[in-house]
Structures are given as structure tokens and as C-alpha cells.
Full PDB file with SEQRES, HELIX, SHEET, SSBOND, CRYST1, ORIGX, SCALE, CONECT and MASTER records, all heavy atoms in Angstrom:
SEQRES   1 A   36  ASN VAL ASP ALA LEU LEU GLU MET ASP ALA GLU GLU THR          
SEQRES   2 A   36  LYS PHE PRO ASP ALA SER PHE ASP ILE ALA VAL ALA MET          
SEQRES   3 A   36  PHE VAL ALA SER VAL VAL PRO HIS PRO ARG                      
CRYST1    1.000    1.000    1.000  90.00  90.00  90.00 P 1           1          
ORIGX1      1.000000  0.000000  0.000000        0.00000                         
ORIGX2      0.000000  1.000000  0.000000        0.00000                         
ORIGX3      0.000000  0.000000  1.000000        0.00000                         
SCALE1      1.000000  0.000000  0.000000        0.00000                         
SCALE2      0.000000  1.000000  0.000000        0.00000                         
SCALE3      0.000000  0.000000  1.000000        0.00000                         
ATOM      1  N   ASN A   1      15.460  -2.243 -16.554  1.00  0.00           N  
ATOM      2  CA  ASN A   1      14.567  -1.103 -16.644  1.00  0.00           C  
ATOM      3  C   ASN A   1      14.166  -0.528 -15.268  1.00  0.00           C  
ATOM      4  O   ASN A   1      13.431   0.445 -15.175  1.00  0.00           O  
ATOM      5  CB  ASN A   1      13.309  -1.410 -17.418  1.00  0.00           C  
ATOM      6  CG  ASN A   1      12.492  -2.541 -16.729  1.00  0.00           C  
ATOM      7  OD1 ASN A   1      13.094  -3.439 -16.119  1.00  0.00           O  
ATOM      8  ND2 ASN A   1      11.197  -2.464 -16.830  1.00  0.00           N  
ATOM      9  N   VAL A   2      14.677  -1.111 -14.164  1.00  0.00           N  
ATOM     10  CA  VAL A   2      14.472  -0.583 -12.853  1.00  0.00           C  
ATOM     11  C   VAL A   2      15.568   0.418 -12.568  1.00  0.00           C  
ATOM     12  O   VAL A   2      16.710   0.056 -12.350  1.00  0.00           O  
ATOM     13  CB  VAL A   2      14.425  -1.703 -11.789  1.00  0.00           C  
ATOM     14  CG1 VAL A   2      14.260  -1.153 -10.378  1.00  0.00           C  
ATOM     15  CG2 VAL A   2      13.294  -2.671 -12.106  1.00  0.00           C  
ATOM     16  N   ASP A   3      15.236   1.691 -12.540  1.00  0.00           N  
ATOM     17  CA  ASP A   3      16.225   2.763 -12.392  1.00  0.00           C  
ATOM     18  C   ASP A   3      16.734   2.900 -10.963  1.00  0.00           C  
ATOM     19  O   ASP A   3      17.878   3.159 -10.719  1.00  0.00           O  
ATOM     20  CB  ASP A   3      15.660   4.092 -12.865  1.00  0.00           C  
ATOM     21  CG  ASP A   3      15.444   4.128 -14.362  1.00  0.00           C  
ATOM     22  OD1 ASP A   3      16.039   3.299 -15.040  1.00  0.00           O  
ATOM     23  OD2 ASP A   3      14.707   5.028 -14.823  1.00  0.00           O  
ATOM     24  N   ALA A   4      15.806   2.766  -9.962  1.00  0.00           N  
ATOM     25  CA  ALA A   4      16.159   2.998  -8.613  1.00  0.00           C  
ATOM     26  C   ALA A   4      15.145   2.362  -7.676  1.00  0.00           C  
ATOM     27  O   ALA A   4      13.956   2.291  -8.000  1.00  0.00           O  
ATOM     28  CB  ALA A   4      16.275   4.515  -8.322  1.00  0.00           C  
ATOM     29  N   LEU A   5      15.638   1.929  -6.500  1.00  0.00           N  
ATOM     30  CA  LEU A   5      14.764   1.397  -5.412  1.00  0.00           C  
ATOM     31  C   LEU A   5      15.184   2.209  -4.168  1.00  0.00           C  
ATOM     32  O   LEU A   5      16.299   2.019  -3.652  1.00  0.00           O  
ATOM     33  CB  LEU A   5      14.924  -0.054  -5.220  1.00  0.00           C  
ATOM     34  CG  LEU A   5      14.468  -0.927  -6.395  1.00  0.00           C  
ATOM     35  CD1 LEU A   5      14.902  -2.399  -6.227  1.00  0.00           C  
ATOM     36  CD2 LEU A   5      12.920  -0.821  -6.551  1.00  0.00           C  
ATOM     37  N   LEU A   6      14.294   3.038  -3.630  1.00  0.00           N  
ATOM     38  CA  LEU A   6      14.639   4.048  -2.655  1.00  0.00           C  
ATOM     39  C   LEU A   6      13.801   3.919  -1.418  1.00  0.00           C  
ATOM     40  O   LEU A   6      12.595   3.731  -1.517  1.00  0.00           O  
ATOM     41  CB  LEU A   6      14.524   5.436  -3.234  1.00  0.00           C  
ATOM     42  CG  LEU A   6      15.263   5.714  -4.559  1.00  0.00           C  
ATOM     43  CD1 LEU A   6      14.824   7.028  -5.109  1.00  0.00           C  
ATOM     44  CD2 LEU A   6      16.740   5.673  -4.298  1.00  0.00           C  
ATOM     45  N   GLU A   7      14.420   4.074  -0.267  1.00  0.00           N  
ATOM     46  CA  GLU A   7      13.674   4.162   1.021  1.00  0.00           C  
ATOM     47  C   GLU A   7      13.107   5.630   1.120  1.00  0.00           C  
ATOM     48  O   GLU A   7      13.911   6.556   1.162  1.00  0.00           O  
ATOM     49  CB  GLU A   7      14.538   3.855   2.222  1.00  0.00           C  
ATOM     50  CG  GLU A   7      13.804   3.890   3.494  1.00  0.00           C  
ATOM     51  CD  GLU A   7      14.646   3.555   4.714  1.00  0.00           C  
ATOM     52  OE1 GLU A   7      15.850   3.213   4.536  1.00  0.00           O  
ATOM     53  OE2 GLU A   7      14.131   3.683   5.857  1.00  0.00           O  
ATOM     54  N   MET A   8      11.822   5.755   1.102  1.00  0.00           N  
ATOM     55  CA  MET A   8      11.252   7.064   1.031  1.00  0.00           C  
ATOM     56  C   MET A   8       9.812   7.026   1.547  1.00  0.00           C  
ATOM     57  O   MET A   8       9.120   6.075   1.417  1.00  0.00           O  
ATOM     58  CB  MET A   8      11.261   7.576  -0.386  1.00  0.00           C  
ATOM     59  CG  MET A   8      11.093   9.057  -0.582  1.00  0.00           C  
ATOM     60  SD  MET A   8      11.291   9.598  -2.322  1.00  0.00           S  
ATOM     61  CE  MET A   8      13.043   9.261  -2.567  1.00  0.00           C  
ATOM     62  N   ASP A   9       9.405   8.121   2.198  1.00  0.00           N  
ATOM     63  CA  ASP A   9       8.033   8.306   2.711  1.00  0.00           C  
ATOM     64  C   ASP A   9       7.145   8.774   1.531  1.00  0.00           C  
ATOM     65  O   ASP A   9       7.354   9.789   0.896  1.00  0.00           O  
ATOM     66  CB  ASP A   9       8.040   9.413   3.770  1.00  0.00           C  
ATOM     67  CG  ASP A   9       6.696   9.542   4.433  1.00  0.00           C  
ATOM     68  OD1 ASP A   9       5.678   9.122   3.917  1.00  0.00           O  
ATOM     69  OD2 ASP A   9       6.670  10.185   5.514  1.00  0.00           O  
ATOM     70  N   ALA A  10       6.125   7.946   1.240  1.00  0.00           N  
ATOM     71  CA  ALA A  10       5.259   8.208   0.094  1.00  0.00           C  
ATOM     72  C   ALA A  10       4.478   9.487   0.253  1.00  0.00           C  
ATOM     73  O   ALA A  10       4.008  10.055  -0.756  1.00  0.00           O  
ATOM     74  CB  ALA A  10       4.301   6.993  -0.109  1.00  0.00           C  
ATOM     75  N   GLU A  11       4.264   9.931   1.453  1.00  0.00           N  
ATOM     76  CA  GLU A  11       3.508  11.144   1.702  1.00  0.00           C  
ATOM     77  C   GLU A  11       4.349  12.380   1.499  1.00  0.00           C  
ATOM     78  O   GLU A  11       3.831  13.512   1.437  1.00  0.00           O  
ATOM     79  CB  GLU A  11       2.949  11.182   3.172  1.00  0.00           C  
ATOM     80  CG  GLU A  11       1.866  10.083   3.319  1.00  0.00           C  
ATOM     81  CD  GLU A  11       1.257  10.187   4.719  1.00  0.00           C  
ATOM     82  OE1 GLU A  11       1.601  11.103   5.470  1.00  0.00           O  
ATOM     83  OE2 GLU A  11       0.435   9.326   5.051  1.00  0.00           O  
ATOM     84  N   GLU A  12       5.645  12.232   1.447  1.00  0.00           N  
ATOM     85  CA  GLU A  12       6.550  13.394   1.264  1.00  0.00           C  
ATOM     86  C   GLU A  12       7.863  12.908   0.588  1.00  0.00           C  
ATOM     87  O   GLU A  12       8.909  12.739   1.216  1.00  0.00           O  
ATOM     88  CB  GLU A  12       6.885  13.951   2.675  1.00  0.00           C  
ATOM     89  CG  GLU A  12       7.640  15.317   2.590  1.00  0.00           C  
ATOM     90  CD  GLU A  12       7.834  15.918   3.977  1.00  0.00           C  
ATOM     91  OE1 GLU A  12       7.376  15.323   4.989  1.00  0.00           O  
ATOM     92  OE2 GLU A  12       8.438  16.981   4.031  1.00  0.00           O  
ATOM     93  N   THR A  13       7.731  12.660  -0.721  1.00  0.00           N  
ATOM     94  CA  THR A  13       8.873  12.167  -1.472  1.00  0.00           C  
ATOM     95  C   THR A  13       9.865  13.313  -1.719  1.00  0.00           C  
ATOM     96  O   THR A  13       9.560  14.496  -1.456  1.00  0.00           O  
ATOM     97  CB  THR A  13       8.426  11.561  -2.814  1.00  0.00           C  
ATOM     98  OG1 THR A  13       8.026  12.610  -3.716  1.00  0.00           O  
ATOM     99  CG2 THR A  13       7.272  10.575  -2.604  1.00  0.00           C  
ATOM    100  N   LYS A  14      10.997  12.966  -2.280  1.00  0.00           N  
ATOM    101  CA  LYS A  14      12.041  13.911  -2.577  1.00  0.00           C  
ATOM    102  C   LYS A  14      12.103  14.229  -4.059  1.00  0.00           C  
ATOM    103  O   LYS A  14      13.049  14.908  -4.527  1.00  0.00           O  
ATOM    104  CB  LYS A  14      13.414  13.345  -2.110  1.00  0.00           C  
ATOM    105  CG  LYS A  14      13.441  12.910  -0.678  1.00  0.00           C  
ATOM    106  CD  LYS A  14      13.095  14.059   0.285  1.00  0.00           C  
ATOM    107  CE  LYS A  14      13.218  13.601   1.763  1.00  0.00           C  
ATOM    108  NZ  LYS A  14      12.796  14.687   2.697  1.00  0.00           N  
ATOM    109  N   PHE A  15      11.128  13.774  -4.800  1.00  0.00           N  
ATOM    110  CA  PHE A  15      11.197  14.039  -6.273  1.00  0.00           C  
ATOM    111  C   PHE A  15      10.688  15.408  -6.594  1.00  0.00           C  
ATOM    112  O   PHE A  15       9.799  15.992  -5.979  1.00  0.00           O  
ATOM    113  CB  PHE A  15      10.291  12.997  -6.989  1.00  0.00           C  
ATOM    114  CG  PHE A  15      10.652  11.564  -6.696  1.00  0.00           C  
ATOM    115  CD1 PHE A  15       9.742  10.731  -6.010  1.00  0.00           C  
ATOM    116  CD2 PHE A  15      11.863  11.016  -7.113  1.00  0.00           C  
ATOM    117  CE1 PHE A  15      10.068   9.433  -5.722  1.00  0.00           C  
ATOM    118  CE2 PHE A  15      12.190   9.672  -6.839  1.00  0.00           C  
ATOM    119  CZ  PHE A  15      11.285   8.878  -6.128  1.00  0.00           C  
ATOM    120  N   PRO A  16      11.257  15.997  -7.717  1.00  0.00           N  
ATOM    121  CA  PRO A  16      10.719  17.310  -8.206  1.00  0.00           C  
ATOM    122  C   PRO A  16       9.296  17.125  -8.733  1.00  0.00           C  
ATOM    123  O   PRO A  16       8.868  16.004  -9.038  1.00  0.00           O  
ATOM    124  CB  PRO A  16      11.723  17.655  -9.333  1.00  0.00           C  
ATOM    125  CG  PRO A  16      12.904  16.780  -9.099  1.00  0.00           C  
ATOM    126  CD  PRO A  16      12.459  15.546  -8.463  1.00  0.00           C  
ATOM    127  N   ASP A  17       8.616  18.244  -8.851  1.00  0.00           N  
ATOM    128  CA  ASP A  17       7.332  18.222  -9.463  1.00  0.00           C  
ATOM    129  C   ASP A  17       7.354  17.589 -10.840  1.00  0.00           C  
ATOM    130  O   ASP A  17       8.335  17.793 -11.572  1.00  0.00           O  
ATOM    131  CB  ASP A  17       6.782  19.655  -9.584  1.00  0.00           C  
ATOM    132  CG  ASP A  17       6.518  20.323  -8.259  1.00  0.00           C  
ATOM    133  OD1 ASP A  17       6.668  19.655  -7.212  1.00  0.00           O  
ATOM    134  OD2 ASP A  17       6.124  21.526  -8.252  1.00  0.00           O  
ATOM    135  N   ALA A  18       6.241  16.903 -11.176  1.00  0.00           N  
ATOM    136  CA  ALA A  18       6.082  16.390 -12.561  1.00  0.00           C  
ATOM    137  C   ALA A  18       7.224  15.513 -13.033  1.00  0.00           C  
ATOM    138  O   ALA A  18       7.707  15.609 -14.170  1.00  0.00           O  
ATOM    139  CB  ALA A  18       5.869  17.538 -13.554  1.00  0.00           C  
ATOM    140  N   SER A  19       7.715  14.624 -12.168  1.00  0.00           N  
ATOM    141  CA  SER A  19       8.870  13.778 -12.480  1.00  0.00           C  
ATOM    142  C   SER A  19       8.452  12.521 -13.228  1.00  0.00           C  
ATOM    143  O   SER A  19       9.310  11.899 -13.843  1.00  0.00           O  
ATOM    144  CB  SER A  19       9.513  13.319 -11.178  1.00  0.00           C  
ATOM    145  OG  SER A  19      10.176  14.414 -10.512  1.00  0.00           O  
ATOM    146  N   PHE A  20       7.173  12.107 -13.148  1.00  0.00           N  
ATOM    147  CA  PHE A  20       6.772  10.809 -13.679  1.00  0.00           C  
ATOM    148  C   PHE A  20       5.551  10.942 -14.583  1.00  0.00           C  
ATOM    149  O   PHE A  20       4.715  11.861 -14.427  1.00  0.00           O  
ATOM    150  CB  PHE A  20       6.466   9.832 -12.545  1.00  0.00           C  
ATOM    151  CG  PHE A  20       7.640   9.570 -11.657  1.00  0.00           C  
ATOM    152  CD1 PHE A  20       7.807  10.311 -10.443  1.00  0.00           C  
ATOM    153  CD2 PHE A  20       8.552   8.589 -11.962  1.00  0.00           C  
ATOM    154  CE1 PHE A  20       8.873  10.112  -9.619  1.00  0.00           C  
ATOM    155  CE2 PHE A  20       9.696   8.367 -11.126  1.00  0.00           C  
ATOM    156  CZ  PHE A  20       9.847   9.106  -9.983  1.00  0.00           C  
ATOM    157  N   ASP A  21       5.447   9.988 -15.567  1.00  0.00           N  
ATOM    158  CA  ASP A  21       4.257   9.918 -16.380  1.00  0.00           C  
ATOM    159  C   ASP A  21       3.117   9.185 -15.679  1.00  0.00           C  
ATOM    160  O   ASP A  21       1.955   9.438 -15.921  1.00  0.00           O  
ATOM    161  CB  ASP A  21       4.610   9.153 -17.709  1.00  0.00           C  
ATOM    162  CG  ASP A  21       5.720   9.883 -18.431  1.00  0.00           C  
ATOM    163  OD1 ASP A  21       5.482  11.017 -18.809  1.00  0.00           O  
ATOM    164  OD2 ASP A  21       6.762   9.242 -18.666  1.00  0.00           O  
ATOM    165  N   ILE A  22       3.535   8.215 -14.863  1.00  0.00           N  
ATOM    166  CA  ILE A  22       2.510   7.338 -14.218  1.00  0.00           C  
ATOM    167  C   ILE A  22       3.006   7.060 -12.734  1.00  0.00           C  
ATOM    168  O   ILE A  22       4.239   6.840 -12.554  1.00  0.00           O  
ATOM    169  CB  ILE A  22       2.432   5.988 -14.932  1.00  0.00           C  
ATOM    170  CG1 ILE A  22       2.005   6.174 -16.379  1.00  0.00           C  
ATOM    171  CG2 ILE A  22       1.422   5.058 -14.208  1.00  0.00           C  
ATOM    172  CD1 ILE A  22       2.230   4.944 -17.208  1.00  0.00           C  
ATOM    173  N   ALA A  23       2.130   7.060 -11.805  1.00  0.00           N  
ATOM    174  CA  ALA A  23       2.377   6.591 -10.435  1.00  0.00           C  
ATOM    175  C   ALA A  23       1.397   5.509 -10.090  1.00  0.00           C  
ATOM    176  O   ALA A  23       0.210   5.691 -10.333  1.00  0.00           O  
ATOM    177  CB  ALA A  23       2.321   7.730  -9.443  1.00  0.00           C  
ATOM    178  N   VAL A  24       1.872   4.380  -9.638  1.00  0.00           N  
ATOM    179  CA  VAL A  24       1.001   3.283  -9.184  1.00  0.00           C  
ATOM    180  C   VAL A  24       1.344   2.944  -7.745  1.00  0.00           C  
ATOM    181  O   VAL A  24       2.488   2.699  -7.413  1.00  0.00           O  
ATOM    182  CB  VAL A  24       1.133   2.094 -10.092  1.00  0.00           C  
ATOM    183  CG1 VAL A  24       2.567   1.615 -10.289  1.00  0.00           C  
ATOM    184  CG2 VAL A  24       0.221   0.931  -9.643  1.00  0.00           C  
ATOM    185  N   ALA A  25       0.326   2.996  -6.872  1.00  0.00           N  
ATOM    186  CA  ALA A  25       0.496   2.709  -5.497  1.00  0.00           C  
ATOM    187  C   ALA A  25      -0.172   1.346  -5.172  1.00  0.00           C  
ATOM    188  O   ALA A  25      -1.395   1.251  -5.289  1.00  0.00           O  
ATOM    189  CB  ALA A  25      -0.140   3.801  -4.574  1.00  0.00           C  
ATOM    190  N   MET A  26       0.661   0.404  -4.840  1.00  0.00           N  
ATOM    191  CA  MET A  26       0.185  -0.963  -4.631  1.00  0.00           C  
ATOM    192  C   MET A  26       0.062  -1.305  -3.100  1.00  0.00           C  
ATOM    193  O   MET A  26       1.053  -1.375  -2.430  1.00  0.00           O  
ATOM    194  CB  MET A  26       1.070  -1.972  -5.324  1.00  0.00           C  
ATOM    195  CG  MET A  26       1.189  -1.787  -6.825  1.00  0.00           C  
ATOM    196  SD  MET A  26       1.709  -3.253  -7.658  1.00  0.00           S  
ATOM    197  CE  MET A  26       1.914  -2.651  -9.333  1.00  0.00           C  
ATOM    198  N   PHE A  27      -1.155  -1.399  -2.667  1.00  0.00           N  
ATOM    199  CA  PHE A  27      -1.455  -1.861  -1.308  1.00  0.00           C  
ATOM    200  C   PHE A  27      -0.880  -0.877  -0.298  1.00  0.00           C  
ATOM    201  O   PHE A  27      -0.330  -1.327   0.721  1.00  0.00           O  
ATOM    202  CB  PHE A  27      -0.957  -3.291  -1.045  1.00  0.00           C  
ATOM    203  CG  PHE A  27      -1.390  -4.256  -2.147  1.00  0.00           C  
ATOM    204  CD1 PHE A  27      -0.490  -4.714  -3.099  1.00  0.00           C  
ATOM    205  CD2 PHE A  27      -2.695  -4.675  -2.280  1.00  0.00           C  
ATOM    206  CE1 PHE A  27      -0.872  -5.561  -4.136  1.00  0.00           C  
ATOM    207  CE2 PHE A  27      -3.143  -5.516  -3.269  1.00  0.00           C  
ATOM    208  CZ  PHE A  27      -2.172  -5.941  -4.202  1.00  0.00           C  
ATOM    209  N   VAL A  28      -0.907   0.364  -0.622  1.00  0.00           N  
ATOM    210  CA  VAL A  28      -0.286   1.429   0.230  1.00  0.00           C  
ATOM    211  C   VAL A  28      -1.283   2.330   0.863  1.00  0.00           C  
ATOM    212  O   VAL A  28      -1.101   2.800   1.999  1.00  0.00           O  
ATOM    213  CB  VAL A  28       0.689   2.251  -0.641  1.00  0.00           C  
ATOM    214  CG1 VAL A  28       1.186   3.491   0.151  1.00  0.00           C  
ATOM    215  CG2 VAL A  28       1.847   1.446  -1.088  1.00  0.00           C  
ATOM    216  N   ALA A  29      -2.448   2.587   0.187  1.00  0.00           N  
ATOM    217  CA  ALA A  29      -3.414   3.510   0.701  1.00  0.00           C  
ATOM    218  C   ALA A  29      -3.901   3.213   2.081  1.00  0.00           C  
ATOM    219  O   ALA A  29      -4.202   4.098   2.933  1.00  0.00           O  
ATOM    220  CB  ALA A  29      -4.617   3.616  -0.293  1.00  0.00           C  
ATOM    221  N   SER A  30      -3.981   1.948   2.437  1.00  0.00           N  
ATOM    222  CA  SER A  30      -4.446   1.539   3.737  1.00  0.00           C  
ATOM    223  C   SER A  30      -3.320   1.384   4.737  1.00  0.00           C  
ATOM    224  O   SER A  30      -3.514   0.913   5.866  1.00  0.00           O  
ATOM    225  CB  SER A  30      -5.246   0.222   3.655  1.00  0.00           C  
ATOM    226  OG  SER A  30      -4.496  -0.762   2.954  1.00  0.00           O  
ATOM    227  N   VAL A  31      -2.092   1.788   4.362  1.00  0.00           N  
ATOM    228  CA  VAL A  31      -0.922   1.680   5.244  1.00  0.00           C  
ATOM    229  C   VAL A  31      -0.504   3.043   5.722  1.00  0.00           C  
ATOM    230  O   VAL A  31      -0.096   3.229   6.832  1.00  0.00           O  
ATOM    231  CB  VAL A  31       0.222   0.988   4.456  1.00  0.00           C  
ATOM    232  CG1 VAL A  31       1.525   1.023   5.260  1.00  0.00           C  
ATOM    233  CG2 VAL A  31      -0.177  -0.411   4.109  1.00  0.00           C  
ATOM    234  N   VAL A  32      -0.492   4.030   4.779  1.00  0.00           N  
ATOM    235  CA  VAL A  32       0.030   5.388   5.135  1.00  0.00           C  
ATOM    236  C   VAL A  32      -0.811   6.083   6.187  1.00  0.00           C  
ATOM    237  O   VAL A  32      -2.067   5.838   6.244  1.00  0.00           O  
ATOM    238  CB  VAL A  32       0.160   6.269   3.898  1.00  0.00           C  
ATOM    239  CG1 VAL A  32       1.175   5.696   2.933  1.00  0.00           C  
ATOM    240  CG2 VAL A  32      -1.188   6.513   3.254  1.00  0.00           C  
ATOM    241  N   PRO A  33      -0.233   6.890   7.057  1.00  0.00           N  
ATOM    242  CA  PRO A  33      -1.043   7.620   8.082  1.00  0.00           C  
ATOM    243  C   PRO A  33      -2.046   8.582   7.479  1.00  0.00           C  
ATOM    244  O   PRO A  33      -3.151   8.771   8.076  1.00  0.00           O  
ATOM    245  CB  PRO A  33       0.058   8.335   8.890  1.00  0.00           C  
ATOM    246  CG  PRO A  33       1.294   7.611   8.641  1.00  0.00           C  
ATOM    247  CD  PRO A  33       1.214   7.130   7.227  1.00  0.00           C  
ATOM    248  N   HIS A  34      -1.773   9.249   6.355  1.00  0.00           N  
ATOM    249  CA  HIS A  34      -2.599  10.299   5.788  1.00  0.00           C  
ATOM    250  C   HIS A  34      -2.867   9.986   4.320  1.00  0.00           C  
ATOM    251  O   HIS A  34      -2.145  10.559   3.424  1.00  0.00           O  
ATOM    252  CB  HIS A  34      -1.990  11.619   6.022  1.00  0.00           C  
ATOM    253  CG  HIS A  34      -1.551  11.873   7.410  1.00  0.00           C  
ATOM    254  ND1 HIS A  34      -0.200  11.761   7.818  1.00  0.00           N  
ATOM    255  CD2 HIS A  34      -2.210  12.248   8.525  1.00  0.00           C  
ATOM    256  CE1 HIS A  34      -0.123  12.019   9.088  1.00  0.00           C  
ATOM    257  NE2 HIS A  34      -1.349  12.321   9.578  1.00  0.00           N  
ATOM    258  N   PRO A  35      -3.817   9.224   3.996  1.00  0.00           N  
ATOM    259  CA  PRO A  35      -4.063   8.806   2.566  1.00  0.00           C  
ATOM    260  C   PRO A  35      -4.231   9.994   1.658  1.00  0.00           C  
ATOM    261  O   PRO A  35      -3.782   9.962   0.514  1.00  0.00           O  
ATOM    262  CB  PRO A  35      -5.268   7.952   2.571  1.00  0.00           C  
ATOM    263  CG  PRO A  35      -5.315   7.411   3.994  1.00  0.00           C  
ATOM    264  CD  PRO A  35      -4.771   8.484   4.842  1.00  0.00           C  
ATOM    265  N   ARG A  36      -5.000  11.037   2.098  1.00  0.00           N  
ATOM    266  CA  ARG A  36      -5.227  12.207   1.225  1.00  0.00           C  
ATOM    267  C   ARG A  36      -3.886  12.905   0.927  1.00  0.00           C  
ATOM    268  O   ARG A  36      -3.709  13.485  -0.111  1.00  0.00           O  
ATOM    269  CB  ARG A  36      -6.214  13.139   1.849  1.00  0.00           C  
ATOM    270  CG  ARG A  36      -7.651  12.608   1.967  1.00  0.00           C  
ATOM    271  CD  ARG A  36      -8.396  12.725   0.607  1.00  0.00           C  
ATOM    272  NE  ARG A  36      -9.708  12.201   0.690  1.00  0.00           N  
ATOM    273  CZ  ARG A  36     -10.803  12.907   1.041  1.00  0.00           C  
ATOM    274  NH1 ARG A  36     -10.675  14.185   1.376  1.00  0.00           N  
ATOM    275  NH2 ARG A  36     -11.968  12.337   1.112  1.00  0.00           N  
TER     276      ARG A  36                                                      
MASTER        0    0    0    0    0    0    0    6  275    1    0    3          
END                                                                             
């Protein structure tokens, strides 16, 4: 059930708008340069 594992910047992904039903960010908010 794991469709893909991709190297990607969470602040600027390559996904189209409204691609997912749910997004879960695990231990990331305190890592990225710009949380907002």
C-alpha cells in the first residue's frame, strides 16, 4: 500500500492541488525552515 517514497521539499512539493485526503507530518514542523 506504499505507492511512492520521494525525495522532496515539504515546503514546496511537486504534487497537484488537492492530491490527498489526509496529510500527516511527523516530527517535521520543528525541522523545516518555514513552518507556516
